[in-house]
C-alpha atoms as a PDB file:
ATOM      1  CA  MET A   1       0.778   2.083 -31.075  1.00  0.00           C
ATOM      2  CA  ALA A   2       0.548  -0.138 -34.158  1.00  0.00           C
ATOM      3  CA  VAL A   3       1.902   2.421 -36.641  1.00  0.00           C
ATOM      4  CA  ALA A   4       5.315   1.712 -38.153  1.00  0.00           C
ATOM      5  CA  HIS A   5       8.011   4.332 -37.547  1.00  0.00           C
ATOM      6  CA  LEU A   6      10.073   5.912 -40.333  1.00  0.00           C
ATOM      7  CA  THR A   7      13.043   7.959 -39.122  1.00  0.00           C
ATOM      8  CA  ILE A   8      14.885  10.237 -41.567  1.00  0.00           C
ATOM      9  CA  ASP A   9      18.290  11.503 -40.469  1.00  0.00           C
ATOM     10  CA  LEU A  10      18.776  15.008 -41.863  1.00  0.00           C
ATOM     11  CA  ALA A  11      22.284  15.204 -40.415  1.00  0.00           C
ATOM     12  CA  ALA A  12      23.215  12.173 -42.542  1.00  0.00           C
ATOM     13  CA  VAL A  13      21.734  13.847 -45.628  1.00  0.00           C
ATOM     14  CA  ARG A  14      23.831  16.935 -44.930  1.00  0.00           C
ATOM     15  CA  ALA A  15      26.960  14.840 -44.417  1.00  0.00           C
ATOM     16  CA  ASN A  16      26.381  12.903 -47.644  1.00  0.00           C
ATOM     17  CA  TRP A  17      25.919  16.164 -49.566  1.00  0.00           C
ATOM     18  CA  ARG A  18      29.089  17.624 -48.063  1.00  0.00           C
ATOM     19  CA  THR A  19      31.100  14.521 -48.966  1.00  0.00           C
ATOM     20  CA  LEU A  20      29.874  14.515 -52.556  1.00  0.00           C
ATOM     21  CA  ALA A  21      30.422  18.270 -52.826  1.00  0.00           C
ATOM     22  CA  ALA A  22      33.990  17.813 -51.587  1.00  0.00           C
ATOM     23  CA  GLN A  23      34.598  15.201 -54.294  1.00  0.00           C
ATOM     24  CA  SER A  24      33.213  17.492 -56.984  1.00  0.00           C
ATOM     25  CA  THR A  25      35.238  20.146 -58.777  1.00  0.00           C
ATOM     26  CA  ALA A  26      31.985  21.939 -59.643  1.00  0.00           C
ATOM     27  CA  GLU A  27      29.107  23.619 -57.847  1.00  0.00           C
ATOM     28  CA  THR A  28      26.979  20.929 -56.211  1.00  0.00           C
ATOM     29  CA  GLY A  29      23.190  20.999 -56.401  1.00  0.00           C
ATOM     30  CA  ALA A  30      20.645  18.422 -55.222  1.00  0.00           C
ATOM     31  CA  VAL A  31      18.026  16.281 -56.939  1.00  0.00           C
ATOM     32  CA  VAL A  32      14.825  16.285 -54.890  1.00  0.00           C
ATOM     33  CA  LYS A  33      12.342  14.925 -57.426  1.00  0.00           C
ATOM     34  CA  ALA A  34       9.675  12.419 -56.373  1.00  0.00           C
ATOM     35  CA  ASP A  35       9.368  14.162 -52.999  1.00  0.00           C
ATOM     36  CA  ALA A  36      13.118  13.770 -52.412  1.00  0.00           C
ATOM     37  CA  TYR A  37      12.995  10.090 -53.333  1.00  0.00           C
ATOM     38  CA  GLY A  38      10.073   9.599 -50.979  1.00  0.00           C
ATOM     39  CA  LEU A  39      11.689  11.221 -47.931  1.00  0.00           C
ATOM     40  CA  GLY A  40      10.109  14.691 -48.007  1.00  0.00           C
ATOM     41  CA  ALA A  41      11.327  17.346 -50.443  1.00  0.00           C
ATOM     42  CA  ALA A  42      10.436  20.286 -48.207  1.00  0.00           C
ATOM     43  CA  GLN A  43      12.467  18.993 -45.265  1.00  0.00           C
ATOM     44  CA  ILE A  44      15.385  17.714 -47.370  1.00  0.00           C
ATOM     45  CA  ALA A  45      15.691  20.790 -49.589  1.00  0.00           C
ATOM     46  CA  THR A  46      15.465  23.343 -46.776  1.00  0.00           C
ATOM     47  CA  THR A  47      18.133  21.379 -44.896  1.00  0.00           C
ATOM     48  CA  LEU A  48      20.452  21.364 -47.917  1.00  0.00           C
ATOM     49  CA  ALA A  49      19.786  25.026 -48.677  1.00  0.00           C
ATOM     50  CA  LYS A  50      21.062  25.864 -45.194  1.00  0.00           C
ATOM     51  CA  GLU A  51      24.088  23.699 -45.936  1.00  0.00           C
ATOM     52  CA  GLY A  52      24.825  25.729 -49.081  1.00  0.00           C
ATOM     53  CA  ALA A  53      23.009  24.083 -51.977  1.00  0.00           C
ATOM     54  CA  ARG A  54      21.612  26.709 -54.354  1.00  0.00           C
ATOM     55  CA  LYS A  55      20.406  24.566 -57.264  1.00  0.00           C
ATOM     56  CA  PHE A  56      17.635  21.989 -56.937  1.00  0.00           C
ATOM     57  CA  PHE A  57      16.213  19.614 -59.534  1.00  0.00           C
ATOM     58  CA  VAL A  58      12.679  18.228 -59.833  1.00  0.00           C
ATOM     59  CA  ALA A  59      10.870  16.205 -62.491  1.00  0.00           C
ATOM     60  CA  LEU A  60       7.687  18.240 -62.905  1.00  0.00           C
ATOM     61  CA  ALA A  61       6.643  21.871 -62.761  1.00  0.00           C
ATOM     62  CA  GLU A  62       4.098  20.997 -60.083  1.00  0.00           C
ATOM     63  CA  GLU A  63       6.877  19.567 -57.912  1.00  0.00           C
ATOM     64  CA  GLY A  64       8.829  22.761 -58.467  1.00  0.00           C
ATOM     65  CA  ALA A  65       5.934  24.948 -57.334  1.00  0.00           C
ATOM     66  CA  THR A  66       5.599  22.969 -54.097  1.00  0.00           C
ATOM     67  CA  LEU A  67       9.332  23.182 -53.539  1.00  0.00           C
ATOM     68  CA  ARG A  68       9.358  26.947 -54.120  1.00  0.00           C
ATOM     69  CA  THR A  69       6.814  27.347 -51.325  1.00  0.00           C
ATOM     70  CA  ALA A  70       9.178  25.495 -48.997  1.00  0.00           C
ATOM     71  CA  LEU A  71      12.403  27.186 -50.100  1.00  0.00           C
ATOM     72  CA  GLY A  72      11.172  30.695 -50.728  1.00  0.00           C
ATOM     73  CA  PRO A  73      12.894  33.011 -53.225  1.00  0.00           C
ATOM     74  CA  GLY A  74      16.540  32.641 -54.134  1.00  0.00           C
ATOM     75  CA  PRO A  75      17.544  29.054 -54.888  1.00  0.00           C
ATOM     76  CA  GLU A  76      17.207  27.954 -58.512  1.00  0.00           C
ATOM     77  CA  ILE A  77      14.747  25.153 -59.215  1.00  0.00           C
ATOM     78  CA  PHE A  78      15.250  23.265 -62.486  1.00  0.00           C
ATOM     79  CA  VAL A  79      12.549  21.110 -64.092  1.00  0.00           C
ATOM     80  CA  PHE A  80      13.776  18.025 -65.963  1.00  0.00           C
ATOM     81  CA  SER A  81      10.582  17.578 -67.985  1.00  0.00           C
ATOM     82  CA  GLY A  82      11.056  21.041 -69.469  1.00  0.00           C
ATOM     83  CA  HIS A  83       8.154  23.250 -70.465  1.00  0.00           C
ATOM     84  CA  MET A  84       5.021  21.234 -71.142  1.00  0.00           C
ATOM     85  CA  PRO A  85       1.833  22.798 -72.559  1.00  0.00           C
ATOM     86  CA  GLY A  86      -0.044  24.480 -69.722  1.00  0.00           C
ATOM     87  CA  ASP A  87       3.049  24.850 -67.509  1.00  0.00           C
ATOM     88  CA  ALA A  88       3.624  28.552 -68.183  1.00  0.00           C
ATOM     89  CA  PRO A  89       1.594  29.920 -65.238  1.00  0.00           C
ATOM     90  CA  ILE A  90       3.330  27.544 -62.814  1.00  0.00           C
ATOM     91  CA  ILE A  91       6.808  28.225 -64.210  1.00  0.00           C
ATOM     92  CA  SER A  92       6.255  31.968 -64.027  1.00  0.00           C
ATOM     93  CA  ALA A  93       4.611  32.130 -60.605  1.00  0.00           C
ATOM     94  CA  ALA A  94       7.155  29.814 -58.934  1.00  0.00           C
ATOM     95  CA  ASP A  95      10.164  31.194 -60.829  1.00  0.00           C
ATOM     96  CA  LEU A  96      11.177  27.778 -62.166  1.00  0.00           C
ATOM     97  CA  THR A  97      13.804  27.074 -64.806  1.00  0.00           C
ATOM     98  CA  PRO A  98      12.608  24.492 -67.336  1.00  0.00           C
ATOM     99  CA  LEU A  99      15.249  22.328 -68.991  1.00  0.00           C
ATOM    100  CA  LEU A 100      13.958  22.383 -72.557  1.00  0.00           C
ATOM    101  CA  ASN A 101      14.086  19.014 -74.313  1.00  0.00           C
ATOM    102  CA  SER A 102      13.025  19.745 -77.900  1.00  0.00           C
ATOM    103  CA  VAL A 103      12.388  22.354 -80.562  1.00  0.00           C
ATOM    104  CA  ASP A 104       8.700  22.155 -79.696  1.00  0.00           C
ATOM    105  CA  GLN A 105       9.414  22.967 -76.046  1.00  0.00           C
ATOM    106  CA  MET A 106      11.627  25.850 -77.081  1.00  0.00           C
ATOM    107  CA  LEU A 107       8.811  27.299 -79.192  1.00  0.00           C
ATOM    108  CA  VAL A 108       6.274  26.852 -76.379  1.00  0.00           C
ATOM    109  CA  HIS A 109       8.597  28.552 -73.907  1.00  0.00           C
ATOM    110  CA  VAL A 110       9.621  31.486 -76.097  1.00  0.00           C
ATOM    111  CA  GLU A 111       6.038  32.162 -77.137  1.00  0.00           C
ATOM    112  CA  SER A 112       4.468  31.898 -73.677  1.00  0.00           C
ATOM    113  CA  LEU A 113       7.296  33.263 -71.479  1.00  0.00           C
ATOM    114  CA  PRO A 114       9.611  35.191 -73.826  1.00  0.00           C
ATOM    115  CA  HIS A 115      11.710  36.794 -71.083  1.00  0.00           C
ATOM    116  CA  HIS A 116      11.827  33.884 -68.658  1.00  0.00           C
ATOM    117  CA  GLY A 117      15.053  31.938 -68.160  1.00  0.00           C
ATOM    118  CA  PHE A 118      15.513  28.341 -69.289  1.00  0.00           C
ATOM    119  CA  GLY A 119      18.086  25.579 -69.561  1.00  0.00           C
ATOM    120  CA  ILE A 120      18.720  22.984 -72.257  1.00  0.00           C
ATOM    121  CA  GLN A 121      18.813  19.212 -71.919  1.00  0.00           C
ATOM    122  CA  LEU A 122      20.821  17.330 -74.553  1.00  0.00           C
ATOM    123  CA  ASP A 123      20.586  13.650 -75.421  1.00  0.00           C
ATOM    124  CA  SER A 124      24.139  12.317 -75.428  1.00  0.00           C
ATOM    125  CA  GLY A 125      23.078   8.712 -76.033  1.00  0.00           C
ATOM    126  CA  MET A 126      20.557   7.691 -73.369  1.00  0.00           C
ATOM    127  CA  ASN A 127      17.594   8.211 -75.728  1.00  0.00           C
ATOM    128  CA  ARG A 128      15.270   9.326 -72.968  1.00  0.00           C
ATOM    129  CA  LEU A 129      15.034  13.117 -72.751  1.00  0.00           C
ATOM    130  CA  GLY A 130      16.813  15.946 -74.518  1.00  0.00           C
ATOM    131  CA  MET A 131      17.683  17.264 -77.938  1.00  0.00           C
ATOM    132  CA  GLU A 132      19.546  14.878 -80.214  1.00  0.00           C
ATOM    133  CA  PRO A 133      22.683  16.157 -81.981  1.00  0.00           C
ATOM    134  CA  ALA A 134      20.925  17.079 -85.238  1.00  0.00           C
ATOM    135  CA  GLU A 135      18.109  18.888 -83.437  1.00  0.00           C
ATOM    136  CA  TRP A 136      20.580  20.736 -81.228  1.00  0.00           C
ATOM    137  CA  SER A 137      22.671  21.750 -84.226  1.00  0.00           C
ATOM    138  CA  ALA A 138      19.629  23.382 -85.833  1.00  0.00           C
ATOM    139  CA  LEU A 139      18.639  25.194 -82.634  1.00  0.00           C
ATOM    140  CA  ARG A 140      22.020  25.904 -81.075  1.00  0.00           C
ATOM    141  CA  SER A 141      22.586  29.493 -82.261  1.00  0.00           C
ATOM    142  CA  LEU A 142      19.078  30.607 -81.287  1.00  0.00           C
ATOM    143  CA  ALA A 143      19.273  28.934 -77.875  1.00  0.00           C
ATOM    144  CA  LEU A 144      22.734  30.212 -76.988  1.00  0.00           C
ATOM    145  CA  ALA A 145      21.808  33.758 -77.993  1.00  0.00           C
ATOM    146  CA  GLN A 146      19.336  33.742 -75.101  1.00  0.00           C
ATOM    147  CA  ALA A 147      21.950  32.767 -72.508  1.00  0.00           C
ATOM    148  CA  PRO A 148      20.573  29.497 -71.104  1.00  0.00           C
ATOM    149  CA  ALA A 149      21.034  29.016 -67.373  1.00  0.00           C
ATOM    150  CA  MET A 150      22.430  25.513 -67.891  1.00  0.00           C
ATOM    151  CA  ILE A 151      23.119  22.928 -70.568  1.00  0.00           C
ATOM    152  CA  MET A 152      22.940  19.386 -69.263  1.00  0.00           C
ATOM    153  CA  SER A 153      22.822  15.740 -70.206  1.00  0.00           C
ATOM    154  CA  HIS A 154      22.421  12.509 -68.247  1.00  0.00           C
ATOM    155  CA  LEU A 155      24.664   9.436 -68.040  1.00  0.00           C
ATOM    156  CA  ALA A 156      23.050   6.055 -68.659  1.00  0.00           C
ATOM    157  CA  CYS A 157      25.665   3.800 -67.021  1.00  0.00           C
ATOM    158  CA  ALA A 158      27.319   5.871 -64.288  1.00  0.00           C
ATOM    159  CA  ASP A 159      26.684   3.102 -61.750  1.00  0.00           C
ATOM    160  CA  GLU A 160      29.143   1.005 -63.819  1.00  0.00           C
ATOM    161  CA  PRO A 161      32.287   3.184 -63.963  1.00  0.00           C
ATOM    162  CA  GLU A 162      34.074   0.949 -66.473  1.00  0.00           C
ATOM    163  CA  HIS A 163      31.171   0.805 -68.904  1.00  0.00           C
ATOM    164  CA  PRO A 164      32.260   2.190 -72.314  1.00  0.00           C
ATOM    165  CA  MET A 165      29.002   4.136 -72.585  1.00  0.00           C
ATOM    166  CA  ASN A 166      30.297   6.627 -70.016  1.00  0.00           C
ATOM    167  CA  ARG A 167      33.237   7.712 -72.154  1.00  0.00           C
ATOM    168  CA  GLN A 168      31.066   7.655 -75.270  1.00  0.00           C
ATOM    169  CA  GLN A 169      28.541  10.015 -73.685  1.00  0.00           C
ATOM    170  CA  LEU A 170      31.269  12.259 -72.323  1.00  0.00           C
ATOM    171  CA  GLU A 171      32.782  12.658 -75.766  1.00  0.00           C
ATOM    172  CA  CYS A 172      29.364  13.299 -77.292  1.00  0.00           C
ATOM    173  CA  PHE A 173      28.553  15.938 -74.675  1.00  0.00           C
ATOM    174  CA  LEU A 174      31.917  17.630 -75.187  1.00  0.00           C
ATOM    175  CA  LYS A 175      31.338  17.748 -78.933  1.00  0.00           C
ATOM    176  CA  MET A 176      27.764  19.073 -78.587  1.00  0.00           C
ATOM    177  CA  THR A 177      28.840  21.813 -76.168  1.00  0.00           C
ATOM    178  CA  GLU A 178      32.149  22.829 -77.735  1.00  0.00           C
ATOM    179  CA  GLY A 179      32.578  26.594 -77.437  1.00  0.00           C
ATOM    180  CA  VAL A 180      29.581  26.965 -75.109  1.00  0.00           C
ATOM    181  CA  THR A 181      30.016  29.467 -72.271  1.00  0.00           C
ATOM    182  CA  ALA A 182      26.813  28.534 -70.411  1.00  0.00           C
ATOM    183  CA  PRO A 183      27.247  26.367 -67.281  1.00  0.00           C
ATOM    184  CA  ARG A 184      27.322  22.666 -68.155  1.00  0.00           C
ATOM    185  CA  SER A 185      26.184  19.645 -66.149  1.00  0.00           C
ATOM    186  CA  LEU A 186      26.585  15.935 -66.880  1.00  0.00           C
ATOM    187  CA  SER A 187      26.899  14.120 -63.563  1.00  0.00           C
ATOM    188  CA  ALA A 188      24.563  12.863 -60.897  1.00  0.00           C
ATOM    189  CA  THR A 189      25.910  10.744 -58.016  1.00  0.00           C
ATOM    190  CA  GLY A 190      27.666   8.148 -60.160  1.00  0.00           C
ATOM    191  CA  GLY A 191      29.266  10.728 -62.409  1.00  0.00           C
ATOM    192  CA  ILE A 192      30.674  12.607 -59.421  1.00  0.00           C
ATOM    193  CA  LEU A 193      32.370   9.413 -58.264  1.00  0.00           C
ATOM    194  CA  MET A 194      33.948   8.850 -61.718  1.00  0.00           C
ATOM    195  CA  GLY A 195      36.110  11.939 -61.412  1.00  0.00           C
ATOM    196  CA  SER A 196      36.599  15.487 -62.572  1.00  0.00           C
ATOM    197  CA  ASP A 197      36.347  14.751 -66.321  1.00  0.00           C
ATOM    198  CA  TYR A 198      32.615  14.325 -65.754  1.00  0.00           C
ATOM    199  CA  HIS A 199      31.987  17.248 -63.389  1.00  0.00           C
ATOM    200  CA  PHE A 200      31.905  20.323 -65.653  1.00  0.00           C
ATOM    201  CA  ASP A 201      30.291  23.320 -63.863  1.00  0.00           C
ATOM    202  CA  ILE A 202      27.380  21.806 -61.891  1.00  0.00           C
ATOM    203  CA  THR A 203      26.853  18.346 -60.420  1.00  0.00           C
ATOM    204  CA  ARG A 204      23.462  16.929 -59.447  1.00  0.00           C
ATOM    205  CA  PRO A 205      23.698  14.284 -56.693  1.00  0.00           C
ATOM    206  CA  GLY A 206      20.482  12.382 -56.065  1.00  0.00           C
ATOM    207  CA  VAL A 207      20.330   8.875 -54.616  1.00  0.00           C
ATOM    208  CA  GLY A 208      23.709   9.256 -52.894  1.00  0.00           C
ATOM    209  CA  LEU A 209      22.227  11.954 -50.680  1.00  0.00           C
ATOM    210  CA  TYR A 210      19.712   9.426 -49.370  1.00  0.00           C
ATOM    211  CA  GLY A 211      22.156   6.624 -48.603  1.00  0.00           C
ATOM    212  CA  GLY A 212      21.962   4.695 -51.870  1.00  0.00           C
ATOM    213  CA  LEU A 213      24.446   3.136 -54.279  1.00  0.00           C
ATOM    214  CA  PRO A 214      26.649   3.799 -56.135  1.00  0.00           C
ATOM    215  CA  PHE A 215      27.803   6.018 -53.234  1.00  0.00           C
ATOM    216  CA  SER A 216      29.091   3.172 -51.074  1.00  0.00           C
ATOM    217  CA  ASP A 217      30.467   5.572 -48.430  1.00  0.00           C
ATOM    218  CA  ALA A 218      27.083   7.200 -47.840  1.00  0.00           C
ATOM    219  CA  LEU A 219      25.800   7.421 -44.301  1.00  0.00           C
ATOM    220  CA  PRO A 220      22.474   5.621 -43.804  1.00  0.00           C
ATOM    221  CA  VAL A 221      19.574   8.081 -43.867  1.00  0.00           C
ATOM    222  CA  VAL A 222      16.474   5.933 -43.361  1.00  0.00           C
ATOM    223  CA  GLN A 223      15.427   3.741 -40.455  1.00  0.00           C
ATOM    224  CA  ILE A 224      12.134   1.828 -40.348  1.00  0.00           C
ATOM    225  CA  ASP A 225      10.929   0.058 -37.215  1.00  0.00           C
ATOM    226  CA  LEU A 226       7.855  -2.167 -37.451  1.00  0.00           C
ATOM    227  CA  PRO A 227       5.807  -2.887 -34.320  1.00  0.00           C
ATOM    228  CA  ILE A 228       4.934  -6.472 -33.487  1.00  0.00           C
ATOM    229  CA  ILE A 229       1.164  -6.953 -33.342  1.00  0.00           C
ATOM    230  CA  GLN A 230       1.025 -10.591 -32.295  1.00  0.00           C
ATOM    231  CA  VAL A 231       3.302 -13.553 -31.576  1.00  0.00           C
ATOM    232  CA  ARG A 232       2.271 -17.181 -31.920  1.00  0.00           C
ATOM    233  CA  ASP A 233       3.905 -20.562 -31.410  1.00  0.00           C
ATOM    234  CA  LEU A 234       3.814 -23.021 -34.306  1.00  0.00           C
ATOM    235  CA  LEU A 235       4.285 -26.764 -34.340  1.00  0.00           C
ATOM    236  CA  GLU A 236       6.567 -28.353 -36.878  1.00  0.00           C
ATOM    237  CA  GLY A 237       4.729 -28.552 -40.200  1.00  0.00           C
ATOM    238  CA  GLU A 238       2.395 -25.580 -39.689  1.00  0.00           C
ATOM    239  CA  THR A 239       2.249 -22.867 -42.344  1.00  0.00           C
ATOM    240  CA  VAL A 240       2.271 -19.052 -42.413  1.00  0.00           C
ATOM    241  CA  GLY A 241       0.451 -16.610 -44.660  1.00  0.00           C
ATOM    242  CA  TYR A 242      -1.377 -16.726 -47.969  1.00  0.00           C
ATOM    243  CA  GLY A 243      -0.875 -19.796 -50.127  1.00  0.00           C
ATOM    244  CA  ASN A 244       0.814 -21.804 -47.339  1.00  0.00           C
ATOM    245  CA  SER A 245       4.072 -20.707 -48.922  1.00  0.00           C
ATOM    246  CA  TRP A 246       6.171 -21.254 -45.785  1.00  0.00           C
ATOM    247  CA  ARG A 247       6.091 -24.359 -43.612  1.00  0.00           C
ATOM    248  CA  SER A 248       7.886 -24.660 -40.281  1.00  0.00           C
ATOM    249  CA  ARG A 249      10.590 -27.293 -40.079  1.00  0.00           C
ATOM    250  CA  ARG A 250      10.757 -27.088 -36.300  1.00  0.00           C
ATOM    251  CA  PRO A 251       8.635 -25.699 -33.470  1.00  0.00           C
ATOM    252  CA  SER A 252       8.732 -21.979 -34.243  1.00  0.00           C
ATOM    253  CA  ARG A 253       7.810 -18.623 -32.800  1.00  0.00           C
ATOM    254  CA  ILE A 254       6.365 -16.281 -35.401  1.00  0.00           C
ATOM    255  CA  ALA A 255       5.833 -12.533 -34.981  1.00  0.00           C
ATOM    256  CA  THR A 256       3.403 -10.593 -37.152  1.00  0.00           C
ATOM    257  CA  VAL A 257       4.563  -7.029 -37.817  1.00  0.00           C
ATOM    258  CA  ASN A 258       2.367  -4.176 -38.944  1.00  0.00           C
ATOM    259  CA  ALA A 259       3.537  -3.297 -42.472  1.00  0.00           C
ATOM    260  CA  GLY A 260       3.292  -4.689 -45.975  1.00  0.00           C
ATOM    261  CA  TYR A 261       3.289  -3.798 -49.615  1.00  0.00           C
ATOM    262  CA  ALA A 262       0.907  -0.899 -48.917  1.00  0.00           C
ATOM    263  CA  ASP A 263       3.858   0.611 -47.041  1.00  0.00           C
ATOM    264  CA  GLY A 264       6.381   0.022 -49.814  1.00  0.00           C
ATOM    265  CA  ILE A 265       7.718  -3.282 -48.485  1.00  0.00           C
ATOM    266  CA  LEU A 266       7.947  -4.924 -51.883  1.00  0.00           C
ATOM    267  CA  ARG A 267       6.092  -8.232 -52.154  1.00  0.00           C
ATOM    268  CA  ALA A 268       8.923  -9.725 -54.204  1.00  0.00           C
ATOM    269  CA  ALA A 269      11.181  -9.569 -51.138  1.00  0.00           C
ATOM    270  CA  GLY A 270       9.105 -12.187 -49.314  1.00  0.00           C
ATOM    271  CA  GLY A 271      11.182 -15.219 -48.393  1.00  0.00           C
ATOM    272  CA  GLN A 272      14.437 -13.383 -49.160  1.00  0.00           C
ATOM    273  CA  MET A 273      14.662 -10.580 -46.627  1.00  0.00           C
ATOM    274  CA  HIS A 274      15.375 -10.345 -42.926  1.00  0.00           C
ATOM    275  CA  LEU A 275      14.220  -8.022 -40.192  1.00  0.00           C
ATOM    276  CA  LEU A 276      16.553  -7.214 -37.358  1.00  0.00           C
ATOM    277  CA  VAL A 277      16.899  -6.808 -33.631  1.00  0.00           C
ATOM    278  CA  GLY A 278      20.124  -4.857 -33.416  1.00  0.00           C
ATOM    279  CA  THR A 279      22.393  -6.891 -35.669  1.00  0.00           C
ATOM    280  CA  ILE A 280      20.516 -10.174 -35.227  1.00  0.00           C
ATOM    281  CA  PRO A 281      18.675 -11.153 -38.427  1.00  0.00           C
ATOM    282  CA  CYS A 282      15.213 -12.698 -38.277  1.00  0.00           C
ATOM    283  CA  PRO A 283      13.914 -14.121 -41.585  1.00  0.00           C
ATOM    284  CA  ALA A 284      10.621 -12.967 -43.045  1.00  0.00           C
ATOM    285  CA  VAL A 285       8.404 -15.988 -43.635  1.00  0.00           C
ATOM    286  CA  GLY A 286       5.416 -16.481 -45.902  1.00  0.00           C
ATOM    287  CA  ARG A 287       4.139 -13.959 -48.377  1.00  0.00           C
ATOM    288  CA  ILE A 288       4.251 -10.257 -47.680  1.00  0.00           C
ATOM    289  CA  SER A 289       0.641  -9.118 -47.566  1.00  0.00           C
ATOM    290  CA  MET A 290      -0.846  -5.636 -47.775  1.00  0.00           C
ATOM    291  CA  ASP A 291      -0.495  -4.792 -44.083  1.00  0.00           C
ATOM    292  CA  MET A 292       1.439  -7.628 -42.433  1.00  0.00           C
ATOM    293  CA  ILE A 293       4.640  -9.626 -42.558  1.00  0.00           C
ATOM    294  CA  GLY A 294       5.425 -12.833 -40.685  1.00  0.00           C
ATOM    295  CA  VAL A 295       8.865 -13.027 -39.082  1.00  0.00           C
ATOM    296  CA  ASP A 296      10.591 -16.025 -37.507  1.00  0.00           C
ATOM    297  CA  ILE A 297      11.871 -14.917 -34.079  1.00  0.00           C
ATOM    298  CA  THR A 298      12.429 -18.436 -32.723  1.00  0.00           C
ATOM    299  CA  ASP A 299      16.123 -17.828 -32.062  1.00  0.00           C
ATOM    300  CA  LEU A 300      15.650 -14.631 -30.050  1.00  0.00           C
ATOM    301  CA  GLU A 301      15.937 -14.930 -26.289  1.00  0.00           C
ATOM    302  CA  ASP A 302      13.217 -12.330 -25.704  1.00  0.00           C
ATOM    303  CA  THR A 303      10.338 -10.955 -27.756  1.00  0.00           C
ATOM    304  CA  PRO A 304      11.015  -7.335 -28.768  1.00  0.00           C
ATOM    305  CA  ASP A 305       8.358  -4.659 -29.242  1.00  0.00           C
ATOM    306  CA  SER A 306       9.440  -4.022 -32.831  1.00  0.00           C
ATOM    307  CA  LEU A 307      11.715  -5.241 -35.608  1.00  0.00           C
ATOM    308  CA  GLN A 308      13.845  -3.080 -37.889  1.00  0.00           C
ATOM    309  CA  ILE A 309      13.645  -3.486 -41.653  1.00  0.00           C
ATOM    310  CA  LEU A 310      15.846  -0.541 -42.680  1.00  0.00           C
ATOM    311  CA  GLY A 311      18.722   0.954 -40.740  1.00  0.00           C
ATOM    312  CA  PRO A 312      22.482   0.784 -40.223  1.00  0.00           C
ATOM    313  CA  THR A 313      22.631  -3.017 -40.554  1.00  0.00           C
ATOM    314  CA  GLN A 314      20.312  -3.398 -43.552  1.00  0.00           C
ATOM    315  CA  ASP A 315      20.375  -0.446 -45.941  1.00  0.00           C
ATOM    316  CA  VAL A 316      18.069   0.353 -48.837  1.00  0.00           C
ATOM    317  CA  ASP A 317      20.185  -1.527 -51.369  1.00  0.00           C
ATOM    318  CA  SER A 318      20.353  -4.657 -49.220  1.00  0.00           C
ATOM    319  CA  LEU A 319      16.569  -4.643 -48.985  1.00  0.00           C
ATOM    320  CA  ALA A 320      16.349  -3.925 -52.708  1.00  0.00           C
ATOM    321  CA  ASN A 321      18.538  -6.923 -53.487  1.00  0.00           C
ATOM    322  CA  ALA A 322      16.103  -9.156 -51.616  1.00  0.00           C
ATOM    323  CA  ALA A 323      13.332  -7.944 -53.927  1.00  0.00           C
ATOM    324  CA  GLY A 324      15.428  -8.093 -57.082  1.00  0.00           C
ATOM    325  CA  THR A 325      15.247  -4.340 -57.590  1.00  0.00           C
ATOM    326  CA  ILE A 326      17.206  -1.151 -56.794  1.00  0.00           C
ATOM    327  CA  GLY A 327      17.373   1.166 -53.809  1.00  0.00           C
ATOM    328  CA  TYR A 328      15.591   3.918 -55.733  1.00  0.00           C
ATOM    329  CA  GLU A 329      12.430   1.813 -55.886  1.00  0.00           C
ATOM    330  CA  VAL A 330      12.565   0.969 -52.194  1.00  0.00           C
ATOM    331  CA  LEU A 331      12.836   4.646 -51.225  1.00  0.00           C
ATOM    332  CA  THR A 332      10.209   5.989 -53.611  1.00  0.00           C
ATOM    333  CA  SER A 333       7.743   3.226 -52.688  1.00  0.00           C
ATOM    334  CA  LEU A 334       7.535   4.137 -49.011  1.00  0.00           C
ATOM    335  CA  GLY A 335       3.885   4.742 -48.230  1.00  0.00           C
ATOM    336  CA  SER A 336       2.048   7.419 -46.284  1.00  0.00           C
ATOM    337  CA  ARG A 337       1.091   5.375 -43.210  1.00  0.00           C
ATOM    338  CA  TYR A 338       4.385   5.644 -41.373  1.00  0.00           C
ATOM    339  CA  ASN A 339       4.812   7.832 -38.325  1.00  0.00           C
ATOM    340  CA  ARG A 340       7.549   9.990 -39.873  1.00  0.00           C
ATOM    341  CA  ARG A 341      10.183  11.539 -37.678  1.00  0.00           C
ATOM    342  CA  TYR A 342      13.033  13.823 -38.745  1.00  0.00           C
ATOM    343  CA  ILE A 343      16.171  13.904 -36.625  1.00  0.00           C
ATOM    344  CA  GLY A 344      19.434  15.832 -36.895  1.00  0.00           C
ATOM    345  CA  ALA A 345      17.835  19.047 -38.106  1.00  0.00           C
END
């Protein structure tokens, strides 16, 4: 079989959630937007619901509707993008809770779904989503009178615990929510790790659930094994791949594996990353193409059937570093051609 194998360890997801929940002084939810960072929102969310998570977060109403089908009634599903025009039927039918980001969204929501619950997103300095202090001040009394399900904001620099922006945003959020009795939420994974000052009533771990930084103690969740299609012997001076970008400096044995940038193996990682047999690294050589990667296996005693690109030895952030990016992009770029397998259910 030439299809690459993607294994997702649900037991590791559960363990990561439990560890983050234990470090939190608040109720712990789960961010499952972007199809649970590319790993399958239905499988991840139902696993975490059984573990005790009751609050889930998605980016779009459409994501929320799909998630509701998987979870069934009961768990709360919050929508970061709020209530966009045309969302009312989806929000109502799937019993979603939009996190309203502006006066305009508040008006749309109250007019179209006057008795439907909502939350509020505040901008505490990230300048991305949410009501700014002046806007919130004008709307605060009206919004609080309707008992919002949550008031939240988002930290811009939580992956850098010593960054002064964290304290600045905390102080801004405290000031904007002074006297509020509604549940408050400020922290995703990084905020949880910064301590109880940032926890408030609800925390929202995301990338840490899936084995990514800044949760350095996370168990690895993803393993990708790429089958070898062909092996060839090269003379010194021969080249591999498009553009002759790699030239052998010795007689070499080169394996071609069946994956490429169509499968989320970022082209920028070419020449920087390794694939593995156990803990033995084998350098990728030449350019990563759409469906294939060349790998130097000269130093292996035997030719394996496959090589591992993600797993216990090389995690998502190690692979991301090779491409000059972040683990989030590696996870969310994984394509649809893998033979996906869930273990630890």
